[in-house]
Amino acid sequence: MSKLVVLFRTFLEKRPVLGNCIVYGTLCVAAETSQQTINKKFLEKPSKPLDTATIGRYAIYGTSIGGPLVSLWYKFLDKKLPGTAVKTIVKKMLVDQFIFTPQLLVVFYISMSILERKDDLLAECKEKFGHTFLANCLFWLPAQAVNFSVIPSVYRVTYIGACSFAWINVLCWFKRQNLDNNTDNGIIDNEKVQ
């Protein structure tokens, strides 16, 4: 096992973007597969087969869109804000959460709409962005505190990928929701309340 860890570490150090794209894509696939398994095999009766086309879209997004963006972003962020001092960590967290994350969520929803061949590429993003961003803040701010204070930069995207497994399960759940018509799921549609 230790040889495998050494090989993986060496691969990440020599080809960090490629290695992290593979890891991020794999975790996207694992998260969507686990989400579907829970929904289609355990919650729905009778059980249904997994939707491999959707799993494939998450593979494409994770390896060729999200993975590279996240990998290059953390490389840039580490260069612009080096170090692990508390002030630097707070700056990194705020810049990551409020500059990069909104853009990444927009890219996610639009990319998935393109891959799903939807007519209105912005509709889902407009509908779900606010709720997704709020959940993202609640999940990622603590995770990023650990990321920027403890995790070495070469392992940063891999750590984020592991957190992403949990987060992408949440994101998959948001993606499945019809927020305009569904308030029974614990999400309140603010426009309907006002």
N, C-alpha and C. Protein backbone atom coordinates (compact mmCIF):
# COMPACT_ATOMS: atom_id res chain seq x y z
N MET A 1 0.82 -1.20 0.00
CA MET A 1 0.00 0.00 0.00
C MET A 1 0.86 1.26 0.00
N SER A 2 1.96 1.24 0.77
CA SER A 2 2.80 2.43 0.83
C SER A 2 3.46 2.73 -0.51
N LYS A 3 3.73 1.69 -1.32
CA LYS A 3 4.29 1.92 -2.66
C LYS A 3 3.28 2.64 -3.54
N LEU A 4 2.02 2.28 -3.40
CA LEU A 4 0.97 2.93 -4.17
C LEU A 4 0.85 4.40 -3.78
N VAL A 5 0.94 4.69 -2.49
CA VAL A 5 0.89 6.07 -2.01
C VAL A 5 2.07 6.86 -2.54
N VAL A 6 3.26 6.26 -2.53
CA VAL A 6 4.46 6.93 -3.05
C VAL A 6 4.32 7.19 -4.55
N LEU A 7 3.82 6.20 -5.30
CA LEU A 7 3.60 6.38 -6.74
C LEU A 7 2.61 7.50 -7.00
N PHE A 8 1.52 7.52 -6.25
CA PHE A 8 0.51 8.55 -6.42
C PHE A 8 1.08 9.93 -6.09
N ARG A 9 1.82 10.03 -4.99
CA ARG A 9 2.43 11.30 -4.59
C ARG A 9 3.39 11.78 -5.67
N THR A 10 4.21 10.87 -6.20
CA THR A 10 5.16 11.23 -7.26
C THR A 10 4.43 11.71 -8.50
N PHE A 11 3.37 11.00 -8.88
CA PHE A 11 2.56 11.39 -10.04
C PHE A 11 1.97 12.78 -9.84
N LEU A 12 1.43 13.05 -8.65
CA LEU A 12 0.86 14.37 -8.36
C LEU A 12 1.91 15.47 -8.40
N GLU A 13 3.10 15.17 -7.91
CA GLU A 13 4.16 16.17 -7.91
C GLU A 13 4.66 16.46 -9.32
N LYS A 14 4.73 15.41 -10.17
CA LYS A 14 5.22 15.59 -11.54
C LYS A 14 4.16 16.16 -12.47
N ARG A 15 2.91 15.75 -12.30
CA ARG A 15 1.81 16.18 -13.16
C ARG A 15 0.60 16.56 -12.30
N PRO A 16 0.72 17.67 -11.57
CA PRO A 16 -0.34 18.01 -10.61
C PRO A 16 -1.70 18.28 -11.25
N VAL A 17 -1.74 18.97 -12.37
CA VAL A 17 -3.04 19.27 -12.98
C VAL A 17 -3.70 17.99 -13.48
N LEU A 18 -2.97 17.18 -14.22
CA LEU A 18 -3.53 15.93 -14.74
C LEU A 18 -3.95 15.00 -13.61
N GLY A 19 -3.09 14.83 -12.62
CA GLY A 19 -3.41 13.95 -11.50
C GLY A 19 -4.64 14.41 -10.74
N ASN A 20 -4.72 15.70 -10.49
CA ASN A 20 -5.87 16.22 -9.76
C ASN A 20 -7.15 16.18 -10.59
N CYS A 21 -7.04 16.32 -11.91
CA CYS A 21 -8.21 16.18 -12.78
C CYS A 21 -8.75 14.76 -12.74
N ILE A 22 -7.86 13.80 -12.74
CA ILE A 22 -8.27 12.39 -12.66
C ILE A 22 -8.96 12.13 -11.32
N VAL A 23 -8.35 12.62 -10.25
CA VAL A 23 -8.94 12.42 -8.92
C VAL A 23 -10.30 13.11 -8.83
N TYR A 24 -10.37 14.35 -9.25
CA TYR A 24 -11.62 15.11 -9.16
C TYR A 24 -12.72 14.47 -10.01
N GLY A 25 -12.37 14.05 -11.21
CA GLY A 25 -13.34 13.37 -12.07
C GLY A 25 -13.83 12.07 -11.48
N THR A 26 -12.91 11.31 -10.92
CA THR A 26 -13.28 10.04 -10.28
C THR A 26 -14.22 10.28 -9.11
N LEU A 27 -13.94 11.31 -8.32
CA LEU A 27 -14.81 11.61 -7.19
C LEU A 27 -16.18 12.12 -7.63
N CYS A 28 -16.22 12.86 -8.73
CA CYS A 28 -17.53 13.29 -9.28
C CYS A 28 -18.35 12.07 -9.67
N VAL A 29 -17.72 11.13 -10.36
CA VAL A 29 -18.41 9.90 -10.77
C VAL A 29 -18.86 9.11 -9.54
N ALA A 30 -17.99 8.99 -8.55
CA ALA A 30 -18.34 8.24 -7.34
C ALA A 30 -19.50 8.89 -6.60
N ALA A 31 -19.50 10.22 -6.53
CA ALA A 31 -20.58 10.92 -5.83
C ALA A 31 -21.91 10.74 -6.56
N GLU A 32 -21.92 10.93 -7.87
CA GLU A 32 -23.17 10.75 -8.62
C GLU A 32 -23.64 9.30 -8.57
N THR A 33 -22.71 8.36 -8.64
CA THR A 33 -23.08 6.95 -8.57
C THR A 33 -23.67 6.62 -7.20
N SER A 34 -23.06 7.12 -6.14
CA SER A 34 -23.60 6.86 -4.80
C SER A 34 -24.97 7.52 -4.63
N GLN A 35 -25.12 8.72 -5.15
CA GLN A 35 -26.40 9.42 -5.08
C GLN A 35 -27.49 8.63 -5.82
N GLN A 36 -27.16 8.16 -7.02
CA GLN A 36 -28.13 7.37 -7.78
C GLN A 36 -28.42 6.03 -7.10
N THR A 37 -27.40 5.41 -6.55
CA THR A 37 -27.60 4.11 -5.89
C THR A 37 -28.58 4.26 -4.73
N ILE A 38 -28.39 5.29 -3.94
CA ILE A 38 -29.30 5.52 -2.81
C ILE A 38 -30.72 5.76 -3.33
N ASN A 39 -30.84 6.65 -4.32
CA ASN A 39 -32.17 7.00 -4.83
C ASN A 39 -32.83 5.87 -5.60
N LYS A 40 -32.11 5.30 -6.55
CA LYS A 40 -32.71 4.33 -7.47
C LYS A 40 -32.80 2.91 -6.92
N LYS A 41 -31.90 2.56 -6.03
CA LYS A 41 -31.89 1.19 -5.51
C LYS A 41 -32.59 1.05 -4.16
N PHE A 42 -32.52 2.10 -3.34
CA PHE A 42 -33.06 1.99 -1.99
C PHE A 42 -34.33 2.80 -1.76
N LEU A 43 -34.41 4.01 -2.31
CA LEU A 43 -35.55 4.87 -2.02
C LEU A 43 -36.72 4.67 -2.98
N GLU A 44 -36.43 4.35 -4.23
CA GLU A 44 -37.50 4.16 -5.22
C GLU A 44 -37.90 2.69 -5.28
N LYS A 45 -39.19 2.46 -5.29
CA LYS A 45 -39.70 1.08 -5.42
C LYS A 45 -40.64 1.04 -6.60
N PRO A 46 -40.47 0.17 -7.55
CA PRO A 46 -39.36 -0.78 -7.65
C PRO A 46 -38.07 -0.04 -8.01
N SER A 47 -36.96 -0.69 -7.69
CA SER A 47 -35.67 -0.06 -7.97
C SER A 47 -35.47 0.08 -9.47
N LYS A 48 -34.68 1.08 -9.84
CA LYS A 48 -34.42 1.38 -11.25
C LYS A 48 -32.93 1.25 -11.52
N PRO A 49 -32.57 1.02 -12.80
CA PRO A 49 -31.14 0.95 -13.13
C PRO A 49 -30.48 2.33 -13.03
N LEU A 50 -29.17 2.32 -12.84
CA LEU A 50 -28.43 3.57 -12.79
C LEU A 50 -28.48 4.26 -14.15
N ASP A 51 -28.49 5.58 -14.13
CA ASP A 51 -28.49 6.39 -15.35
C ASP A 51 -27.03 6.65 -15.74
N THR A 52 -26.50 5.80 -16.59
CA THR A 52 -25.08 5.89 -16.95
C THR A 52 -24.78 7.15 -17.77
N ALA A 53 -25.75 7.68 -18.49
CA ALA A 53 -25.51 8.91 -19.25
C ALA A 53 -25.23 10.07 -18.29
N THR A 54 -25.98 10.15 -17.21
CA THR A 54 -25.75 11.21 -16.22
C THR A 54 -24.40 11.01 -15.54
N ILE A 55 -24.07 9.78 -15.21
CA ILE A 55 -22.76 9.49 -14.61
C ILE A 55 -21.66 9.91 -15.59
N GLY A 56 -21.84 9.65 -16.86
CA GLY A 56 -20.87 10.06 -17.88
C GLY A 56 -20.72 11.57 -17.94
N ARG A 57 -21.82 12.30 -17.79
CA ARG A 57 -21.74 13.77 -17.80
C ARG A 57 -20.92 14.27 -16.61
N TYR A 58 -21.09 13.63 -15.45
CA TYR A 58 -20.29 14.02 -14.29
C TYR A 58 -18.81 13.68 -14.52
N ALA A 59 -18.53 12.60 -15.22
CA ALA A 59 -17.14 12.25 -15.54
C ALA A 59 -16.53 13.33 -16.43
N ILE A 60 -17.28 13.75 -17.44
CA ILE A 60 -16.78 14.80 -18.35
C ILE A 60 -16.57 16.09 -17.57
N TYR A 61 -17.56 16.48 -16.79
CA TYR A 61 -17.43 17.72 -16.02
C TYR A 61 -16.23 17.64 -15.07
N GLY A 62 -16.12 16.56 -14.31
CA GLY A 62 -15.07 16.45 -13.30
C GLY A 62 -13.66 16.42 -13.87
N THR A 63 -13.46 15.68 -14.97
CA THR A 63 -12.11 15.54 -15.51
C THR A 63 -11.72 16.67 -16.45
N SER A 64 -12.67 17.21 -17.22
CA SER A 64 -12.27 18.18 -18.22
C SER A 64 -12.74 19.60 -17.99
N ILE A 65 -13.59 19.82 -17.01
CA ILE A 65 -14.05 21.19 -16.74
C ILE A 65 -13.74 21.57 -15.29
N GLY A 66 -14.42 20.95 -14.34
CA GLY A 66 -14.24 21.29 -12.93
C GLY A 66 -12.84 21.00 -12.41
N GLY A 67 -12.31 19.83 -12.72
CA GLY A 67 -10.97 19.45 -12.25
C GLY A 67 -9.89 20.43 -12.66
N PRO A 68 -9.79 20.74 -13.96
CA PRO A 68 -8.77 21.71 -14.38
C PRO A 68 -8.97 23.10 -13.76
N LEU A 69 -10.22 23.56 -13.71
CA LEU A 69 -10.48 24.88 -13.14
C LEU A 69 -10.05 24.95 -11.68
N VAL A 70 -10.43 23.96 -10.90
CA VAL A 70 -10.09 23.94 -9.48
C VAL A 70 -8.58 23.82 -9.29
N SER A 71 -7.95 22.95 -10.06
CA SER A 71 -6.50 22.74 -9.95
C SER A 71 -5.73 24.03 -10.26
N LEU A 72 -6.07 24.66 -11.36
CA LEU A 72 -5.38 25.89 -11.75
C LEU A 72 -5.71 27.04 -10.79
N TRP A 73 -6.92 27.07 -10.29
CA TRP A 73 -7.31 28.11 -9.34
C TRP A 73 -6.46 28.04 -8.08
N TYR A 74 -6.29 26.84 -7.51
CA TYR A 74 -5.52 26.73 -6.27
C TYR A 74 -4.05 27.01 -6.50
N LYS A 75 -3.55 26.68 -7.65
CA LYS A 75 -2.17 27.02 -7.99
C LYS A 75 -2.01 28.55 -8.02
N PHE A 76 -2.95 29.22 -8.68
CA PHE A 76 -2.96 30.68 -8.75
C PHE A 76 -3.10 31.29 -7.35
N LEU A 77 -4.04 30.78 -6.57
CA LEU A 77 -4.31 31.32 -5.24
C LEU A 77 -3.09 31.16 -4.32
N ASP A 78 -2.43 30.01 -4.40
CA ASP A 78 -1.23 29.79 -3.58
C ASP A 78 -0.10 30.73 -3.98
N LYS A 79 -0.02 31.06 -5.27
CA LYS A 79 1.02 31.96 -5.75
C LYS A 79 0.74 33.39 -5.28
N LYS A 80 -0.52 33.81 -5.36
CA LYS A 80 -0.88 35.18 -5.00
C LYS A 80 -0.96 35.39 -3.49
N LEU A 81 -1.35 34.36 -2.76
CA LEU A 81 -1.49 34.46 -1.31
C LEU A 81 -0.74 33.30 -0.64
N PRO A 82 0.60 33.34 -0.66
CA PRO A 82 1.37 32.24 -0.08
C PRO A 82 1.33 32.26 1.44
N GLY A 83 1.54 31.09 2.03
CA GLY A 83 1.67 31.00 3.48
C GLY A 83 0.44 30.45 4.16
N THR A 84 0.61 30.24 5.48
CA THR A 84 -0.48 29.67 6.28
C THR A 84 -0.77 30.52 7.52
N ALA A 85 -0.37 31.79 7.50
CA ALA A 85 -0.72 32.68 8.61
C ALA A 85 -2.24 32.85 8.65
N VAL A 86 -2.77 33.10 9.82
CA VAL A 86 -4.22 33.21 9.98
C VAL A 86 -4.81 34.25 9.03
N LYS A 87 -4.17 35.39 8.91
CA LYS A 87 -4.66 36.45 8.03
C LYS A 87 -4.69 35.98 6.57
N THR A 88 -3.68 35.25 6.16
CA THR A 88 -3.61 34.72 4.79
C THR A 88 -4.69 33.68 4.57
N ILE A 89 -4.90 32.81 5.55
CA ILE A 89 -5.93 31.77 5.44
C ILE A 89 -7.31 32.41 5.28
N VAL A 90 -7.58 33.43 6.08
CA VAL A 90 -8.88 34.11 5.98
C VAL A 90 -9.05 34.75 4.61
N LYS A 91 -7.99 35.39 4.11
CA LYS A 91 -8.06 35.98 2.77
C LYS A 91 -8.34 34.92 1.71
N LYS A 92 -7.60 33.80 1.79
CA LYS A 92 -7.81 32.71 0.82
C LYS A 92 -9.24 32.19 0.87
N MET A 93 -9.75 32.00 2.09
CA MET A 93 -11.11 31.48 2.23
C MET A 93 -12.13 32.43 1.61
N LEU A 94 -11.99 33.71 1.90
CA LEU A 94 -12.95 34.68 1.39
C LEU A 94 -12.86 34.83 -0.12
N VAL A 95 -11.64 34.90 -0.63
CA VAL A 95 -11.46 35.00 -2.09
C VAL A 95 -12.00 33.74 -2.76
N ASP A 96 -11.68 32.58 -2.20
CA ASP A 96 -12.15 31.33 -2.79
C ASP A 96 -13.68 31.25 -2.76
N GLN A 97 -14.27 31.55 -1.62
CA GLN A 97 -15.71 31.38 -1.46
C GLN A 97 -16.53 32.42 -2.22
N PHE A 98 -16.04 33.65 -2.27
CA PHE A 98 -16.89 34.71 -2.82
C PHE A 98 -16.44 35.22 -4.19
N ILE A 99 -15.28 34.80 -4.67
CA ILE A 99 -14.84 35.15 -6.03
C ILE A 99 -14.91 33.92 -6.94
N PHE A 100 -14.26 32.83 -6.53
CA PHE A 100 -14.18 31.65 -7.39
C PHE A 100 -15.44 30.79 -7.36
N THR A 101 -15.96 30.52 -6.18
CA THR A 101 -17.10 29.60 -6.04
C THR A 101 -18.33 30.01 -6.84
N PRO A 102 -18.76 31.27 -6.79
CA PRO A 102 -19.93 31.62 -7.61
C PRO A 102 -19.72 31.31 -9.09
N GLN A 103 -18.53 31.61 -9.58
CA GLN A 103 -18.24 31.33 -10.99
C GLN A 103 -18.23 29.83 -11.26
N LEU A 104 -17.67 29.05 -10.34
CA LEU A 104 -17.62 27.60 -10.52
C LEU A 104 -19.02 27.00 -10.53
N LEU A 105 -19.90 27.50 -9.67
CA LEU A 105 -21.28 26.99 -9.66
C LEU A 105 -22.00 27.33 -10.96
N VAL A 106 -21.78 28.52 -11.47
CA VAL A 106 -22.38 28.90 -12.76
C VAL A 106 -21.84 27.98 -13.86
N VAL A 107 -20.53 27.76 -13.85
CA VAL A 107 -19.92 26.86 -14.85
C VAL A 107 -20.51 25.46 -14.72
N PHE A 108 -20.69 24.98 -13.48
CA PHE A 108 -21.27 23.65 -13.28
C PHE A 108 -22.65 23.55 -13.91
N TYR A 109 -23.55 24.45 -13.52
CA TYR A 109 -24.93 24.35 -14.03
C TYR A 109 -25.00 24.54 -15.54
N ILE A 110 -24.24 25.48 -16.07
CA ILE A 110 -24.28 25.69 -17.53
C ILE A 110 -23.63 24.52 -18.26
N SER A 111 -22.51 24.01 -17.74
CA SER A 111 -21.86 22.85 -18.38
C SER A 111 -22.79 21.65 -18.41
N MET A 112 -23.45 21.39 -17.29
CA MET A 112 -24.38 20.26 -17.25
C MET A 112 -25.56 20.49 -18.19
N SER A 113 -26.03 21.73 -18.29
CA SER A 113 -27.12 22.02 -19.24
C SER A 113 -26.67 21.79 -20.67
N ILE A 114 -25.44 22.16 -20.98
CA ILE A 114 -24.89 21.90 -22.33
C ILE A 114 -24.81 20.40 -22.57
N LEU A 115 -24.24 19.67 -21.61
CA LEU A 115 -24.10 18.22 -21.76
C LEU A 115 -25.45 17.52 -21.83
N GLU A 116 -26.47 18.10 -21.19
CA GLU A 116 -27.83 17.54 -21.25
C GLU A 116 -28.60 18.02 -22.47
N ARG A 117 -27.99 18.90 -23.25
CA ARG A 117 -28.60 19.46 -24.47
C ARG A 117 -29.91 20.19 -24.19
N LYS A 118 -29.91 20.95 -23.13
CA LYS A 118 -31.10 21.73 -22.78
C LYS A 118 -31.20 22.94 -23.70
N ASP A 119 -32.42 23.36 -23.96
CA ASP A 119 -32.64 24.54 -24.81
C ASP A 119 -32.24 25.83 -24.10
N ASP A 120 -32.64 25.97 -22.85
CA ASP A 120 -32.31 27.16 -22.07
C ASP A 120 -31.15 26.81 -21.13
N LEU A 121 -29.96 27.23 -21.51
CA LEU A 121 -28.76 26.86 -20.76
C LEU A 121 -28.66 27.56 -19.41
N LEU A 122 -29.38 28.66 -19.22
CA LEU A 122 -29.28 29.42 -17.98
C LEU A 122 -30.40 29.15 -16.99
N ALA A 123 -31.47 28.51 -17.43
CA ALA A 123 -32.67 28.35 -16.58
C ALA A 123 -32.35 27.65 -15.26
N GLU A 124 -31.69 26.52 -15.32
CA GLU A 124 -31.40 25.78 -14.10
C GLU A 124 -30.47 26.56 -13.18
N CYS A 125 -29.50 27.23 -13.76
CA CYS A 125 -28.57 28.04 -12.97
C CYS A 125 -29.32 29.14 -12.24
N LYS A 126 -30.19 29.84 -12.94
CA LYS A 126 -30.98 30.91 -12.32
C LYS A 126 -31.86 30.37 -11.20
N GLU A 127 -32.44 29.21 -11.41
CA GLU A 127 -33.37 28.61 -10.45
C GLU A 127 -32.66 28.13 -9.19
N LYS A 128 -31.48 27.57 -9.32
CA LYS A 128 -30.85 26.85 -8.21
C LYS A 128 -29.62 27.52 -7.61
N PHE A 129 -29.10 28.55 -8.25
CA PHE A 129 -27.85 29.14 -7.81
C PHE A 129 -27.89 29.60 -6.35
N GLY A 130 -28.90 30.37 -5.96
CA GLY A 130 -28.95 30.94 -4.61
C GLY A 130 -28.92 29.89 -3.52
N HIS A 131 -29.76 28.88 -3.65
CA HIS A 131 -29.81 27.81 -2.64
C HIS A 131 -28.51 27.02 -2.62
N THR A 132 -27.97 26.77 -3.81
CA THR A 132 -26.72 26.00 -3.90
C THR A 132 -25.57 26.78 -3.28
N PHE A 133 -25.50 28.08 -3.56
CA PHE A 133 -24.42 28.89 -3.02
C PHE A 133 -24.49 28.97 -1.50
N LEU A 134 -25.68 29.11 -0.94
CA LEU A 134 -25.84 29.14 0.52
C LEU A 134 -25.35 27.83 1.15
N ALA A 135 -25.79 26.71 0.60
CA ALA A 135 -25.33 25.41 1.10
C ALA A 135 -23.82 25.27 0.95
N ASN A 136 -23.31 25.77 -0.16
CA ASN A 136 -21.87 25.73 -0.42
C ASN A 136 -21.10 26.48 0.66
N CYS A 137 -21.58 27.65 1.04
CA CYS A 137 -20.92 28.43 2.09
C CYS A 137 -20.90 27.67 3.41
N LEU A 138 -22.02 27.07 3.76
CA LEU A 138 -22.11 26.34 5.03
C LEU A 138 -21.20 25.11 5.06
N PHE A 139 -21.00 24.50 3.90
CA PHE A 139 -20.15 23.31 3.81
C PHE A 139 -18.67 23.68 3.67
N TRP A 140 -18.39 24.59 2.72
CA TRP A 140 -17.01 24.80 2.31
C TRP A 140 -16.20 25.74 3.19
N LEU A 141 -16.81 26.71 3.86
CA LEU A 141 -15.99 27.61 4.68
C LEU A 141 -15.21 26.85 5.76
N PRO A 142 -15.84 25.93 6.50
CA PRO A 142 -15.03 25.14 7.45
C PRO A 142 -14.02 24.23 6.74
N ALA A 143 -14.44 23.62 5.63
CA ALA A 143 -13.51 22.73 4.91
C ALA A 143 -12.31 23.51 4.39
N GLN A 144 -12.54 24.73 3.93
CA GLN A 144 -11.44 25.54 3.42
C GLN A 144 -10.52 26.02 4.53
N ALA A 145 -11.05 26.21 5.72
CA ALA A 145 -10.18 26.59 6.85
C ALA A 145 -9.13 25.50 7.07
N VAL A 146 -9.56 24.25 7.00
CA VAL A 146 -8.63 23.12 7.11
C VAL A 146 -7.71 23.09 5.90
N ASN A 147 -8.27 23.26 4.72
CA ASN A 147 -7.51 23.21 3.47
C ASN A 147 -6.33 24.18 3.49
N PHE A 148 -6.60 25.43 3.80
CA PHE A 148 -5.56 26.45 3.71
C PHE A 148 -4.62 26.47 4.90
N SER A 149 -5.00 25.88 6.02
CA SER A 149 -4.14 25.93 7.19
C SER A 149 -3.31 24.66 7.40
N VAL A 150 -3.77 23.52 6.87
CA VAL A 150 -3.13 22.25 7.18
C VAL A 150 -2.61 21.51 5.95
N ILE A 151 -3.32 21.55 4.85
CA ILE A 151 -3.03 20.71 3.69
C ILE A 151 -1.90 21.31 2.85
N PRO A 152 -0.83 20.54 2.54
CA PRO A 152 0.22 21.03 1.64
C PRO A 152 -0.35 21.28 0.24
N SER A 153 0.19 22.28 -0.45
CA SER A 153 -0.39 22.70 -1.73
C SER A 153 -0.45 21.57 -2.76
N VAL A 154 0.51 20.66 -2.77
CA VAL A 154 0.50 19.58 -3.75
C VAL A 154 -0.69 18.64 -3.55
N TYR A 155 -1.22 18.58 -2.34
CA TYR A 155 -2.36 17.70 -2.04
C TYR A 155 -3.69 18.46 -1.95
N ARG A 156 -3.64 19.75 -2.20
CA ARG A 156 -4.82 20.58 -1.98
C ARG A 156 -6.02 20.15 -2.81
N VAL A 157 -5.84 19.91 -4.10
CA VAL A 157 -6.98 19.53 -4.94
C VAL A 157 -7.48 18.13 -4.56
N THR A 158 -6.57 17.25 -4.16
CA THR A 158 -6.99 15.92 -3.72
C THR A 158 -7.83 16.01 -2.45
N TYR A 159 -7.40 16.84 -1.51
CA TYR A 159 -8.21 17.07 -0.31
C TYR A 159 -9.57 17.63 -0.68
N ILE A 160 -9.56 18.63 -1.55
CA ILE A 160 -10.81 19.23 -2.00
C ILE A 160 -11.65 18.18 -2.72
N GLY A 161 -11.00 17.30 -3.45
CA GLY A 161 -11.73 16.23 -4.12
C GLY A 161 -12.43 15.32 -3.13
N ALA A 162 -11.75 15.00 -2.04
CA ALA A 162 -12.37 14.16 -1.01
C ALA A 162 -13.56 14.87 -0.38
N CYS A 163 -13.39 16.15 -0.07
CA CYS A 163 -14.53 16.93 0.43
C CYS A 163 -15.61 17.01 -0.65
N SER A 164 -15.16 17.09 -1.88
CA SER A 164 -16.11 17.19 -3.00
C SER A 164 -16.99 15.96 -3.11
N PHE A 165 -16.48 14.81 -2.72
CA PHE A 165 -17.32 13.61 -2.75
C PHE A 165 -18.58 13.86 -1.94
N ALA A 166 -18.40 14.40 -0.75
CA ALA A 166 -19.57 14.73 0.09
C ALA A 166 -20.35 15.88 -0.53
N TRP A 167 -19.64 16.94 -0.93
CA TRP A 167 -20.32 18.11 -1.48
C TRP A 167 -21.05 17.79 -2.78
N ILE A 168 -20.44 17.01 -3.66
CA ILE A 168 -21.08 16.71 -4.95
C ILE A 168 -22.34 15.88 -4.73
N ASN A 169 -22.38 15.07 -3.68
CA ASN A 169 -23.63 14.40 -3.34
C ASN A 169 -24.72 15.44 -3.04
N VAL A 170 -24.36 16.49 -2.32
CA VAL A 170 -25.30 17.58 -2.05
C VAL A 170 -25.66 18.28 -3.36
N LEU A 171 -24.67 18.55 -4.19
CA LEU A 171 -24.90 19.22 -5.47
C LEU A 171 -25.79 18.38 -6.38
N CYS A 172 -25.57 17.07 -6.39
CA CYS A 172 -26.43 16.16 -7.18
C CYS A 172 -27.87 16.26 -6.68
N TRP A 173 -28.02 16.35 -5.37
CA TRP A 173 -29.36 16.47 -4.80
C TRP A 173 -30.01 17.77 -5.27
N PHE A 174 -29.26 18.89 -5.19
CA PHE A 174 -29.79 20.17 -5.67
C PHE A 174 -30.15 20.08 -7.15
N LYS A 175 -29.29 19.44 -7.92
CA LYS A 175 -29.53 19.34 -9.37
C LYS A 175 -30.83 18.61 -9.65
N ARG A 176 -31.18 17.63 -8.83
CA ARG A 176 -32.41 16.85 -9.04
C ARG A 176 -33.67 17.58 -8.61
N GLN A 177 -33.52 18.62 -7.82
CA GLN A 177 -34.69 19.32 -7.28
C GLN A 177 -35.29 20.27 -8.30
N ASN A 178 -36.60 20.41 -8.23
CA ASN A 178 -37.31 21.42 -8.99
C ASN A 178 -37.74 22.46 -7.97
N LEU A 179 -36.90 23.46 -7.77
CA LEU A 179 -37.12 24.40 -6.67
C LEU A 179 -38.33 25.29 -6.88
N ASP A 180 -38.67 25.60 -8.12
CA ASP A 180 -39.83 26.45 -8.36
C ASP A 180 -41.13 25.79 -7.94
N ASN A 181 -41.22 24.48 -8.11
CA ASN A 181 -42.47 23.78 -7.86
C ASN A 181 -42.45 22.92 -6.62
N ASN A 182 -41.32 22.85 -5.91
CA ASN A 182 -41.21 21.89 -4.82
C ASN A 182 -40.74 22.58 -3.55
N THR A 183 -41.66 22.81 -2.61
CA THR A 183 -41.26 23.37 -1.32
C THR A 183 -41.39 22.34 -0.22
N ASP A 184 -41.79 21.12 -0.55
CA ASP A 184 -41.93 20.07 0.46
C ASP A 184 -40.61 19.42 0.82
N ASN A 185 -39.51 19.82 0.17
CA ASN A 185 -38.22 19.17 0.39
C ASN A 185 -37.36 19.91 1.40
N GLY A 186 -37.95 20.87 2.10
CA GLY A 186 -37.18 21.60 3.10
C GLY A 186 -36.55 22.86 2.56
N ILE A 187 -36.69 23.13 1.28
CA ILE A 187 -36.16 24.34 0.69
C ILE A 187 -37.32 25.30 0.48
N ILE A 188 -37.16 26.51 0.91
CA ILE A 188 -38.22 27.49 0.77
C ILE A 188 -37.93 28.34 -0.45
N ASP A 189 -38.90 28.50 -1.30
CA ASP A 189 -38.79 29.36 -2.47
C ASP A 189 -39.07 30.78 -1.99
N ASN A 190 -38.04 31.62 -1.92
CA ASN A 190 -38.18 32.97 -1.38
C ASN A 190 -39.19 33.81 -2.13
N GLU A 191 -39.30 33.64 -3.44
CA GLU A 191 -40.24 34.42 -4.22
C GLU A 191 -41.68 34.08 -3.84
N LYS A 192 -41.95 32.84 -3.49
CA LYS A 192 -43.30 32.45 -3.11
C LYS A 192 -43.66 32.95 -1.72
N VAL A 193 -42.65 33.11 -0.86
CA VAL A 193 -42.90 33.56 0.51
C VAL A 193 -43.26 35.04 0.52
N GLN A 194 -42.62 35.84 -0.33
CA GLN A 194 -42.82 37.30 -0.33
C GLN A 194 -44.10 37.67 -0.91
